[in-house]
Amino acid sequence: MVLTFGGGASEIGASFLMLQLDGKNIALDCGIRMGEDSLPDFQIIDRYGSVDCIVLSHAHMDHSGALPVLSREYPNARIYMTHATKDLARILLYDSLNIMEHRESEIPIYAEAHVRKMLDNIVCFSPNHAFRPFAGSGSGSGNDGGSGGGYGSGYGSASISSSGNGNGDGSGGSDLSASSLDENVKTTDLGGGSFVETPRGQDPVMNADGSITLPGGGKITSPDGKQGNVVIVVPPGTTITKDNKVSFPIGSGGATITYANGQTFNINENAVIILDADTPLGYYIGMDNPFNDVNEREWSYSAVMFAYSHGLMVGTNVSPMAFSPTTTTTRGMIITILHRMASSPDMSGFDNPFSDVEGGTWYTDAVKWAASSGIVNGIGNGNYAPNAPITRQDLAVILARYADFMGLTLPTSRNYAGFIDDADIADYAKEAIERFFGAGIIDGYPDGSFKPQGEATRAEAAAILMRFLEAME
């Protein structure tokens, strides 16, 4: 093991370390410092030859401020951090960009395009699970994008050893003649433990750019970050690129994705699924922003796109498309989301136990399902209050009951540290909040409070739902 400091070793700021471990070159943090010489000493990379991946410990600018510069020079190096770190880094980097753009005497060290590209290259991992930046096969390291080839290279996130011919064109990485035990199914290896099964007679078609198209659709199986597999049923016309980005034709209806724990979701046809075994779910989502009121610079952007692409949350207005991220989440909304997560069971013939839940509304079946499943009990006197805002403590309680009802496991990765307002948490909610904290789903506010009676916004609900699904086993 070789560890070299490139900044921040003897002064405050510009934290940057290069670690060589088992032949892999890992950059640890990449910050800036105050003053004219603000960047780390990137020349030390010459001693290593390349950067194979980047790990960010936290989002403060003395640890993340030069990350767009490093990512620009080494675009194939994946960047690993937690969701909370990414959310804050997004805000801080865009703020830094705004400051640089408005200082006439300062030449910006990076542009908005570099920040966007860097954010696209981030892989978020859960604190509950170890991540494996070099697990599996793949290709590509350094800043030329040409070392290695092979299907499923994933921007160099897998092993640096190549499964192709080394010229970066992907040849030799995909076996389009693989056989299957089922004579009616053809199996094609995508690399990194992923493969796709397609109907015989409708074999995958190799395109000039190295991608493949599935004329008859198929079923993709790919490892997740929890020692299981995720299964994606894709429609005819689906395309899979060399770096395992899965996209669907317009009008196809998108895909169906099933987790190892049995949860199934419909993926929006406008979304792109990027397979990555280093992430908790085995993939992450790329998608153009359809909402006029959701800014990609906001901390919640990734969570909103996740919730929308999985059909969990829809817009609040059609023309123009709006998500209303700062609007409070109502009790009717959250139960409708969980009803969708449970594949929308038919509630015909089930009684409605609440006098304030009218028949035929968009949330009626969801409330009936939740009540019959023991997920909600109402607020007393036979009422449910579907239009009332959901409090943060009730959101945790309802999600915990949903997990128990579905037979899902909440892992524990840390001990409950407590919040400064623990005394304000209702007795019925304490266990759920402790479980969610232990699973890394909630952290509270910077001042150490949880605000149990606070109202959860739609952006906050999206973030908690995404982390909830990533943590579930």
Protein backbone atom coordinates (compact mmCIF):
# COMPACT_ATOMS: atom_id res chain seq x y z
CA MET A 1 0.00 0.00 0.00
CA VAL A 2 1.25 3.49 -0.91
CA LEU A 3 -0.38 6.67 0.47
CA THR A 4 0.63 10.13 -0.78
CA PHE A 5 -0.68 13.50 0.40
CA GLY A 6 -1.41 15.99 -2.34
CA GLY A 7 -2.83 18.73 -0.17
CA GLY A 8 -4.17 19.35 3.30
CA ALA A 9 -1.39 17.46 5.08
CA SER A 10 0.19 20.51 6.67
CA GLU A 11 -2.48 23.17 6.23
CA ILE A 12 -6.25 23.61 6.20
CA GLY A 13 -7.95 22.91 2.91
CA ALA A 14 -7.38 21.17 -0.41
CA SER A 15 -7.55 17.75 1.17
CA PHE A 16 -6.37 15.25 -1.44
CA LEU A 17 -4.73 11.86 -1.01
CA MET A 18 -3.70 9.18 -3.49
CA LEU A 19 -3.86 5.59 -2.30
CA GLN A 20 -2.39 2.71 -4.28
CA LEU A 21 -3.80 -0.59 -3.08
CA ASP A 22 -3.49 -3.92 -4.89
CA GLY A 23 -2.51 -2.12 -8.07
CA LYS A 24 -5.52 0.23 -8.02
CA ASN A 25 -5.17 4.00 -7.75
CA ILE A 26 -7.76 5.59 -5.49
CA ALA A 27 -8.16 9.34 -4.94
CA LEU A 28 -9.44 10.21 -1.46
CA ASP A 29 -11.22 13.59 -1.40
CA CYS A 30 -10.36 16.52 -3.67
CA GLY A 31 -10.79 19.91 -2.02
CA ILE A 32 -9.76 23.51 -2.52
CA ARG A 33 -8.06 26.00 -0.19
CA MET A 34 -8.34 29.75 0.16
CA GLY A 35 -5.89 31.89 -1.80
CA GLU A 36 -4.37 31.91 -5.27
CA ASP A 37 -2.95 28.38 -5.13
CA SER A 38 -6.32 26.82 -4.42
CA LEU A 39 -5.99 23.40 -6.07
CA PRO A 40 -4.35 20.26 -4.69
CA ASP A 41 -1.06 19.03 -6.11
CA PHE A 42 -2.40 16.95 -9.00
CA GLN A 43 1.14 16.27 -10.22
CA ILE A 44 1.39 13.39 -7.76
CA ILE A 45 -1.03 11.50 -10.02
CA ASP A 46 1.80 11.25 -12.56
CA ARG A 47 3.61 8.96 -10.15
CA TYR A 48 0.62 6.65 -10.10
CA GLY A 49 -0.24 6.88 -13.79
CA SER A 50 -4.01 7.20 -13.46
CA VAL A 51 -7.02 7.51 -11.17
CA ASP A 52 -9.19 4.39 -11.10
CA CYS A 53 -11.83 5.64 -8.66
CA ILE A 54 -12.54 8.53 -6.29
CA VAL A 55 -13.94 8.32 -2.76
CA LEU A 56 -15.36 11.41 -1.07
CA SER A 57 -15.51 11.39 2.75
CA HIS A 58 -17.76 14.44 3.12
CA ALA A 59 -19.03 17.42 1.16
CA HIS A 60 -17.25 20.44 2.67
CA MET A 61 -15.40 22.41 0.03
CA ASP A 62 -11.98 21.70 1.52
CA HIS A 63 -12.70 18.08 0.63
CA SER A 64 -14.90 18.38 -2.50
CA GLY A 65 -14.29 21.77 -4.11
CA ALA A 66 -11.86 20.56 -6.80
CA LEU A 67 -13.75 17.37 -7.57
CA PRO A 68 -15.14 18.67 -10.92
CA VAL A 69 -11.56 19.37 -12.03
CA LEU A 70 -10.34 15.87 -11.19
CA SER A 71 -13.43 14.27 -12.71
CA ARG A 72 -12.95 16.33 -15.89
CA GLU A 73 -9.43 14.97 -16.31
CA TYR A 74 -10.37 11.38 -15.39
CA PRO A 75 -13.96 10.95 -16.65
CA ASN A 76 -13.82 7.15 -16.42
CA ALA A 77 -13.10 7.18 -12.69
CA ARG A 78 -16.30 6.53 -10.76
CA ILE A 79 -16.93 8.67 -7.67
CA TYR A 80 -18.23 7.05 -4.49
CA MET A 81 -20.02 8.77 -1.60
CA THR A 82 -23.17 8.50 0.50
CA HIS A 83 -26.48 10.03 -0.59
CA ALA A 84 -26.29 12.69 2.12
CA THR A 85 -22.81 13.68 0.94
CA LYS A 86 -23.96 13.92 -2.68
CA ASP A 87 -26.98 16.03 -1.73
CA LEU A 88 -24.81 18.58 0.10
CA ALA A 89 -21.98 18.48 -2.47
CA ARG A 90 -24.48 19.33 -5.23
CA ILE A 91 -25.53 22.49 -3.38
CA LEU A 92 -22.02 23.58 -2.38
CA LEU A 93 -20.48 23.04 -5.82
CA TYR A 94 -23.21 25.01 -7.58
CA ASP A 95 -22.87 27.77 -5.00
CA SER A 96 -19.12 27.83 -5.65
CA LEU A 97 -19.79 27.98 -9.37
CA ASN A 98 -22.09 30.98 -8.91
CA ILE A 99 -19.43 32.77 -6.86
CA MET A 100 -16.72 32.16 -9.47
CA GLU A 101 -18.98 33.31 -12.30
CA HIS A 102 -19.69 36.64 -10.58
CA ARG A 103 -16.11 37.49 -9.68
CA GLU A 104 -14.68 39.47 -12.58
CA SER A 105 -11.11 39.03 -11.35
CA GLU A 106 -11.40 35.26 -11.01
CA ILE A 107 -11.16 32.71 -13.81
CA PRO A 108 -13.50 29.80 -12.98
CA ILE A 109 -11.61 26.54 -12.47
CA TYR A 110 -14.56 24.58 -13.86
CA ALA A 111 -17.85 25.17 -15.64
CA GLU A 112 -21.41 24.02 -15.01
CA ALA A 113 -21.01 21.28 -17.62
CA HIS A 114 -18.16 19.82 -15.56
CA VAL A 115 -20.30 19.81 -12.41
CA ARG A 116 -23.13 18.06 -14.24
CA LYS A 117 -20.81 15.43 -15.69
CA MET A 118 -19.24 14.85 -12.29
CA LEU A 119 -22.66 14.42 -10.63
CA ASP A 120 -23.62 11.89 -13.31
CA ASN A 121 -20.51 9.89 -12.46
CA ILE A 122 -21.32 9.53 -8.76
CA VAL A 123 -22.27 6.16 -7.29
CA CYS A 124 -23.99 6.49 -3.92
CA PHE A 125 -23.57 3.73 -1.39
CA SER A 126 -25.53 3.03 1.75
CA PRO A 127 -23.74 3.20 5.11
CA ASN A 128 -25.31 -0.20 5.78
CA HIS A 129 -23.34 -2.02 3.10
CA ALA A 130 -19.73 -2.21 2.04
CA PHE A 131 -19.18 -1.15 -1.56
CA ARG A 132 -16.90 -2.89 -4.01
CA PRO A 133 -15.42 -0.37 -6.50
CA PHE A 134 -13.41 -3.05 -8.32
CA ALA A 135 -15.76 -6.04 -8.16
CA GLY A 136 -16.39 -7.88 -11.41
CA SER A 137 -14.95 -7.34 -14.85
CA GLY A 138 -14.85 -4.21 -16.93
CA SER A 139 -12.51 -1.68 -18.40
CA GLY A 140 -11.17 1.80 -18.50
CA SER A 141 -9.03 3.86 -16.24
CA GLY A 142 -7.14 7.12 -16.65
CA ASN A 143 -8.16 10.16 -18.61
CA ASP A 144 -8.03 8.86 -22.16
CA GLY A 145 -11.08 6.58 -21.99
CA GLY A 146 -9.29 4.06 -24.15
CA SER A 147 -7.54 1.59 -21.89
CA GLY A 148 -9.42 -1.66 -22.01
CA GLY A 149 -12.58 -2.72 -23.72
CA GLY A 150 -15.38 -5.10 -23.00
CA TYR A 151 -19.06 -5.05 -22.29
CA GLY A 152 -20.20 -3.65 -18.96
CA SER A 153 -17.17 -1.46 -18.35
CA GLY A 154 -19.19 0.96 -16.23
CA TYR A 155 -16.77 3.91 -16.48
CA GLY A 156 -14.04 1.86 -14.92
CA SER A 157 -16.08 1.04 -11.81
CA ALA A 158 -15.37 -2.64 -12.14
CA SER A 159 -12.03 -4.41 -12.31
CA ILE A 160 -9.39 -2.57 -14.29
CA SER A 161 -8.43 -5.77 -16.07
CA SER A 162 -10.15 -5.79 -19.43
CA SER A 163 -12.38 -8.42 -20.93
CA GLY A 164 -11.87 -6.95 -24.39
CA ASN A 165 -8.93 -6.35 -26.70
CA GLY A 166 -7.57 -3.27 -24.95
CA ASN A 167 -8.40 -0.69 -27.58
CA GLY A 168 -11.49 0.65 -25.90
CA ASP A 169 -13.97 -0.41 -28.57
CA GLY A 170 -15.65 -3.09 -26.49
CA SER A 171 -14.82 -5.96 -28.82
CA GLY A 172 -14.50 -9.29 -27.09
CA GLY A 173 -16.58 -8.22 -24.09
CA SER A 174 -20.00 -9.52 -25.04
CA ASP A 175 -20.73 -13.09 -26.03
CA LEU A 176 -23.63 -12.97 -28.45
CA SER A 177 -23.44 -16.71 -29.08
CA ALA A 178 -23.90 -17.83 -25.48
CA SER A 179 -26.25 -20.76 -25.03
CA SER A 180 -28.88 -21.34 -22.36
CA LEU A 181 -30.24 -24.37 -20.59
CA ASP A 182 -33.65 -23.30 -21.91
CA GLU A 183 -33.66 -23.99 -25.64
CA ASN A 184 -36.23 -21.20 -26.13
CA VAL A 185 -34.01 -18.60 -24.50
CA LYS A 186 -30.70 -17.11 -25.58
CA THR A 187 -28.37 -15.78 -22.85
CA THR A 188 -25.98 -12.91 -23.53
CA ASP A 189 -23.27 -11.97 -21.06
CA LEU A 190 -23.14 -8.25 -20.22
CA GLY A 191 -20.09 -8.45 -17.97
CA GLY A 192 -19.73 -7.81 -14.25
CA GLY A 193 -22.07 -10.68 -13.40
CA SER A 194 -24.96 -9.29 -15.48
CA PHE A 195 -26.64 -11.11 -18.35
CA VAL A 196 -29.75 -10.80 -20.48
CA GLU A 197 -32.08 -13.58 -21.63
CA THR A 198 -33.92 -13.08 -24.92
CA PRO A 199 -36.36 -15.21 -26.96
CA ARG A 200 -34.77 -17.53 -29.50
CA GLY A 201 -35.23 -16.19 -33.00
CA GLN A 202 -35.15 -12.63 -31.71
CA ASP A 203 -31.47 -12.50 -30.85
CA PRO A 204 -29.75 -9.30 -29.67
CA VAL A 205 -28.45 -7.13 -32.51
CA MET A 206 -24.96 -5.63 -32.20
CA ASN A 207 -24.90 -1.98 -33.28
CA ALA A 208 -21.99 -0.05 -34.79
CA ASP A 209 -21.35 1.84 -31.54
CA GLY A 210 -20.99 -1.40 -29.57
CA SER A 211 -24.45 -1.27 -28.01
CA ILE A 212 -27.00 -4.03 -28.48
CA THR A 213 -30.70 -3.81 -29.26
CA LEU A 214 -33.22 -6.41 -28.10
CA PRO A 215 -35.79 -6.85 -30.90
CA GLY A 216 -38.00 -9.08 -28.76
CA GLY A 217 -37.25 -7.56 -25.37
CA GLY A 218 -35.87 -9.78 -22.64
CA LYS A 219 -34.99 -10.26 -18.99
CA ILE A 220 -31.84 -8.74 -17.47
CA THR A 221 -30.38 -10.23 -14.29
CA SER A 222 -27.76 -8.21 -12.48
CA PRO A 223 -26.13 -8.41 -9.03
CA ASP A 224 -27.10 -5.84 -6.42
CA GLY A 225 -25.01 -4.52 -3.57
CA LYS A 226 -26.60 -6.86 -1.02
CA GLN A 227 -25.42 -10.26 -2.30
CA GLY A 228 -28.62 -10.73 -4.32
CA ASN A 229 -29.87 -10.04 -7.83
CA VAL A 230 -32.17 -7.51 -9.43
CA VAL A 231 -34.31 -8.71 -12.36
CA ILE A 232 -35.45 -6.27 -15.05
CA VAL A 233 -38.03 -7.27 -17.67
CA VAL A 234 -37.52 -4.97 -20.66
CA PRO A 235 -39.71 -4.33 -23.74
CA PRO A 236 -38.89 -4.94 -27.43
CA GLY A 237 -36.52 -2.32 -28.80
CA THR A 238 -34.59 -1.91 -25.55
CA THR A 239 -30.97 -0.80 -26.05
CA ILE A 240 -28.03 -1.67 -23.78
CA THR A 241 -24.84 0.34 -24.24
CA LYS A 242 -21.28 -0.86 -23.66
CA ASP A 243 -21.32 0.68 -20.20
CA ASN A 244 -24.60 -1.08 -19.37
CA LYS A 245 -27.00 1.82 -19.69
CA VAL A 246 -30.43 0.38 -20.43
CA SER A 247 -32.90 2.59 -22.32
CA PHE A 248 -36.36 1.97 -23.73
CA PRO A 249 -38.18 3.13 -26.87
CA ILE A 250 -40.86 5.75 -26.53
CA GLY A 251 -44.29 4.16 -26.38
CA SER A 252 -42.97 0.91 -24.93
CA GLY A 253 -44.28 1.53 -21.43
CA GLY A 254 -40.87 1.12 -19.82
CA ALA A 255 -39.66 -1.85 -17.78
CA THR A 256 -40.55 -3.87 -14.70
CA ILE A 257 -37.89 -4.29 -12.04
CA THR A 258 -37.95 -6.80 -9.18
CA TYR A 259 -35.65 -6.75 -6.16
CA ALA A 260 -34.29 -9.79 -4.37
CA ASN A 261 -36.76 -9.16 -1.54
CA GLY A 262 -39.68 -9.46 -3.98
CA GLN A 263 -40.57 -5.79 -4.33
CA THR A 264 -41.57 -4.93 -7.92
CA PHE A 265 -41.74 -1.53 -9.62
CA ASN A 266 -42.66 -0.17 -13.04
CA ILE A 267 -39.89 2.00 -14.49
CA ASN A 268 -40.83 5.03 -16.57
CA GLU A 269 -39.99 4.61 -20.26
CA ASN A 270 -38.09 7.92 -20.23
CA ALA A 271 -35.70 6.68 -17.56
CA VAL A 272 -32.31 5.09 -18.19
CA ILE A 273 -31.23 2.25 -15.90
CA ILE A 274 -27.49 2.12 -15.30
CA LEU A 275 -26.48 -1.31 -14.00
CA ASP A 276 -23.93 -1.13 -11.20
CA ALA A 277 -23.34 -3.90 -8.67
CA ASP A 278 -21.58 -1.46 -6.35
CA THR A 279 -24.85 0.31 -5.54
CA PRO A 280 -27.32 -1.06 -2.95
CA LEU A 281 -30.01 -1.76 -5.56
CA GLY A 282 -27.66 -2.92 -8.30
CA TYR A 283 -28.48 0.07 -10.51
CA TYR A 284 -29.17 3.77 -10.49
CA ILE A 285 -31.36 6.00 -12.61
CA GLY A 286 -30.56 8.63 -15.22
CA MET A 287 -33.43 10.75 -16.45
CA ASP A 288 -34.17 14.10 -18.03
CA ASN A 289 -35.95 16.38 -15.58
CA PRO A 290 -39.64 16.62 -16.55
CA PHE A 291 -40.55 19.15 -13.82
CA ASN A 292 -40.44 22.93 -14.10
CA ASP A 293 -40.14 23.39 -10.33
CA VAL A 294 -37.36 20.85 -9.62
CA ASN A 295 -33.84 22.25 -9.91
CA GLU A 296 -31.04 19.78 -10.48
CA ARG A 297 -28.93 21.86 -8.11
CA GLU A 298 -31.19 20.99 -5.19
CA TRP A 299 -30.13 18.35 -2.65
CA SER A 300 -33.28 16.31 -3.36
CA TYR A 301 -32.95 16.13 -7.17
CA SER A 302 -31.77 12.50 -7.35
CA ALA A 303 -34.44 11.36 -4.91
CA VAL A 304 -37.23 13.11 -6.83
CA MET A 305 -36.10 11.54 -10.11
CA PHE A 306 -35.93 8.13 -8.40
CA ALA A 307 -39.43 8.39 -6.93
CA TYR A 308 -40.90 9.63 -10.22
CA SER A 309 -39.11 7.11 -12.45
CA HIS A 310 -40.30 4.22 -10.23
CA GLY A 311 -43.93 5.36 -10.29
CA LEU A 312 -43.96 6.07 -6.56
CA MET A 313 -44.69 9.78 -6.84
CA VAL A 314 -46.26 11.64 -9.72
CA GLY A 315 -46.52 15.31 -10.52
CA THR A 316 -48.96 17.71 -8.93
CA ASN A 317 -49.69 19.50 -12.20
CA VAL A 318 -49.56 18.51 -15.86
CA SER A 319 -49.16 21.78 -17.77
CA PRO A 320 -46.63 22.90 -16.82
CA MET A 321 -45.27 19.75 -15.20
CA ALA A 322 -44.80 20.36 -11.48
CA PHE A 323 -43.69 18.22 -8.56
CA SER A 324 -44.16 20.75 -5.73
CA PRO A 325 -41.07 19.63 -3.77
CA THR A 326 -41.62 22.06 -0.89
CA THR A 327 -45.30 21.22 -0.47
CA THR A 328 -46.11 19.09 2.54
CA THR A 329 -46.82 15.40 2.05
CA THR A 330 -50.32 14.49 3.18
CA ARG A 331 -51.42 11.33 4.97
CA GLY A 332 -53.35 10.36 1.84
CA MET A 333 -50.27 10.83 -0.36
CA ILE A 334 -47.95 8.63 1.68
CA ILE A 335 -50.44 5.76 1.89
CA THR A 336 -51.04 5.98 -1.86
CA ILE A 337 -47.28 5.69 -2.42
CA LEU A 338 -47.05 2.60 -0.21
CA HIS A 339 -50.07 1.07 -1.95
CA ARG A 340 -48.20 1.48 -5.26
CA MET A 341 -45.07 -0.05 -3.71
CA ALA A 342 -47.19 -3.06 -2.77
CA SER A 343 -48.31 -3.39 -6.44
CA SER A 344 -51.71 -1.71 -5.82
CA PRO A 345 -53.77 -4.63 -4.43
CA ASP A 346 -57.44 -4.66 -5.45
CA MET A 347 -59.56 -3.54 -2.51
CA SER A 348 -62.97 -4.36 -3.95
CA GLY A 349 -65.15 -5.77 -1.21
CA PHE A 350 -63.06 -4.36 1.63
CA ASP A 351 -64.72 -2.08 4.16
CA ASN A 352 -63.70 1.52 4.67
CA PRO A 353 -63.21 1.99 8.44
CA PHE A 354 -62.87 5.79 8.35
CA SER A 355 -65.78 8.21 8.19
CA ASP A 356 -63.66 11.01 6.68
CA VAL A 357 -62.40 8.92 3.74
CA GLU A 358 -64.92 9.26 0.93
CA GLY A 359 -65.44 6.53 -1.64
CA GLY A 360 -63.99 6.94 -5.13
CA THR A 361 -61.13 9.30 -4.30
CA TRP A 362 -57.55 8.76 -5.50
CA TYR A 363 -56.55 7.58 -2.03
CA THR A 364 -59.63 5.52 -1.00
CA ASP A 365 -58.31 2.08 -1.99
CA ALA A 366 -54.89 2.88 -0.55
CA VAL A 367 -56.33 3.84 2.84
CA LYS A 368 -58.55 0.74 2.89
CA TRP A 369 -55.53 -1.43 2.08
CA ALA A 370 -53.35 0.21 4.73
CA ALA A 371 -56.05 -0.11 7.39
CA SER A 372 -56.74 -3.78 6.57
CA SER A 373 -52.99 -4.48 6.67
CA GLY A 374 -52.44 -2.86 10.06
CA ILE A 375 -50.24 -0.12 8.62
CA VAL A 376 -52.49 2.74 9.77
CA ASN A 377 -54.93 3.04 12.65
CA GLY A 378 -56.24 6.54 12.06
CA ILE A 379 -56.16 9.53 14.38
CA GLY A 380 -59.08 8.48 16.56
CA ASN A 381 -62.88 8.85 16.54
CA GLY A 382 -63.08 6.85 13.31
CA ASN A 383 -61.09 9.42 11.32
CA TYR A 384 -57.96 9.15 9.21
CA ALA A 385 -57.40 12.81 8.15
CA PRO A 386 -56.23 12.00 4.59
CA ASN A 387 -55.60 15.65 3.69
CA ALA A 388 -53.65 16.50 6.83
CA PRO A 389 -49.86 16.81 6.52
CA ILE A 390 -47.89 13.73 7.57
CA THR A 391 -45.59 14.43 10.49
CA ARG A 392 -42.01 13.21 10.39
CA GLN A 393 -42.57 10.79 13.26
CA ASP A 394 -45.75 9.36 11.69
CA LEU A 395 -43.92 8.89 8.39
CA ALA A 396 -41.32 6.74 10.16
CA VAL A 397 -44.02 4.74 11.96
CA ILE A 398 -46.02 4.05 8.80
CA LEU A 399 -42.94 3.02 6.82
CA ALA A 400 -41.79 0.72 9.64
CA ARG A 401 -45.21 -0.96 9.73
CA TYR A 402 -45.11 -1.32 5.96
CA ALA A 403 -41.73 -3.06 6.21
CA ASP A 404 -43.07 -5.44 8.86
CA PHE A 405 -46.21 -6.19 6.85
CA MET A 406 -44.20 -6.93 3.71
CA GLY A 407 -41.72 -9.12 5.61
CA LEU A 408 -38.81 -6.79 4.87
CA THR A 409 -35.80 -6.42 7.15
CA LEU A 410 -34.40 -3.12 8.35
CA PRO A 411 -30.66 -3.66 8.84
CA THR A 412 -28.82 -2.02 11.71
CA SER A 413 -25.53 -0.33 10.85
CA ARG A 414 -25.18 2.03 13.80
CA ASN A 415 -26.44 2.58 17.32
CA TYR A 416 -29.11 5.15 18.04
CA ALA A 417 -27.34 8.33 19.13
CA GLY A 418 -30.46 10.25 20.09
CA PHE A 419 -31.71 13.69 19.06
CA ILE A 420 -31.73 16.86 21.14
CA ASP A 421 -35.55 16.81 20.97
CA ASP A 422 -36.02 13.15 21.89
CA ALA A 423 -38.45 14.25 24.59
CA ASP A 424 -40.80 15.54 21.89
CA ILE A 425 -41.03 12.16 20.14
CA ALA A 426 -44.28 10.33 20.90
CA ASP A 427 -43.93 7.01 22.67
CA TYR A 428 -45.56 5.13 19.79
CA ALA A 429 -42.97 6.54 17.34
CA LYS A 430 -39.73 6.05 19.31
CA GLU A 431 -39.05 2.47 18.20
CA ALA A 432 -39.62 3.27 14.51
CA ILE A 433 -37.37 6.35 14.64
CA GLU A 434 -34.61 4.38 16.38
CA ARG A 435 -34.87 1.64 13.72
CA PHE A 436 -34.71 4.15 10.88
CA PHE A 437 -31.73 5.92 12.39
CA GLY A 438 -29.97 2.60 12.91
CA ALA A 439 -30.58 1.69 9.26
CA GLY A 440 -29.13 4.98 8.03
CA ILE A 441 -32.42 6.16 6.54
CA ILE A 442 -32.80 9.27 8.69
CA ASP A 443 -30.18 11.57 10.21
CA GLY A 444 -32.10 14.53 11.52
CA TYR A 445 -31.17 18.17 11.08
CA PRO A 446 -27.73 19.81 11.38
CA ASP A 447 -28.57 21.17 14.83
CA GLY A 448 -29.06 17.61 16.13
CA SER A 449 -32.85 17.74 16.20
CA PHE A 450 -35.38 15.46 14.53
CA LYS A 451 -38.45 17.72 14.66
CA PRO A 452 -40.91 14.81 15.11
CA GLN A 453 -43.96 17.07 14.79
CA GLY A 454 -42.54 18.78 11.72
CA GLU A 455 -44.28 18.30 8.40
CA ALA A 456 -42.46 16.22 5.78
CA THR A 457 -42.22 17.92 2.40
CA ARG A 458 -42.61 15.97 -0.82
CA ALA A 459 -38.87 16.29 -1.44
CA GLU A 460 -38.11 14.90 2.02
CA ALA A 461 -40.56 12.06 1.48
CA ALA A 462 -38.88 11.18 -1.84
CA ALA A 463 -35.45 11.09 -0.18
CA ILE A 464 -36.64 8.90 2.70
CA LEU A 465 -38.41 6.53 0.31
CA MET A 466 -35.29 6.11 -1.82
CA ARG A 467 -33.08 5.42 1.21
CA PHE A 468 -35.76 3.13 2.63
CA LEU A 469 -35.78 0.97 -0.50
CA GLU A 470 -31.99 0.92 -0.67
CA ALA A 471 -31.73 -0.25 2.94
CA MET A 472 -34.42 -2.93 2.88
CA GLU A 473 -33.35 -6.57 2.82
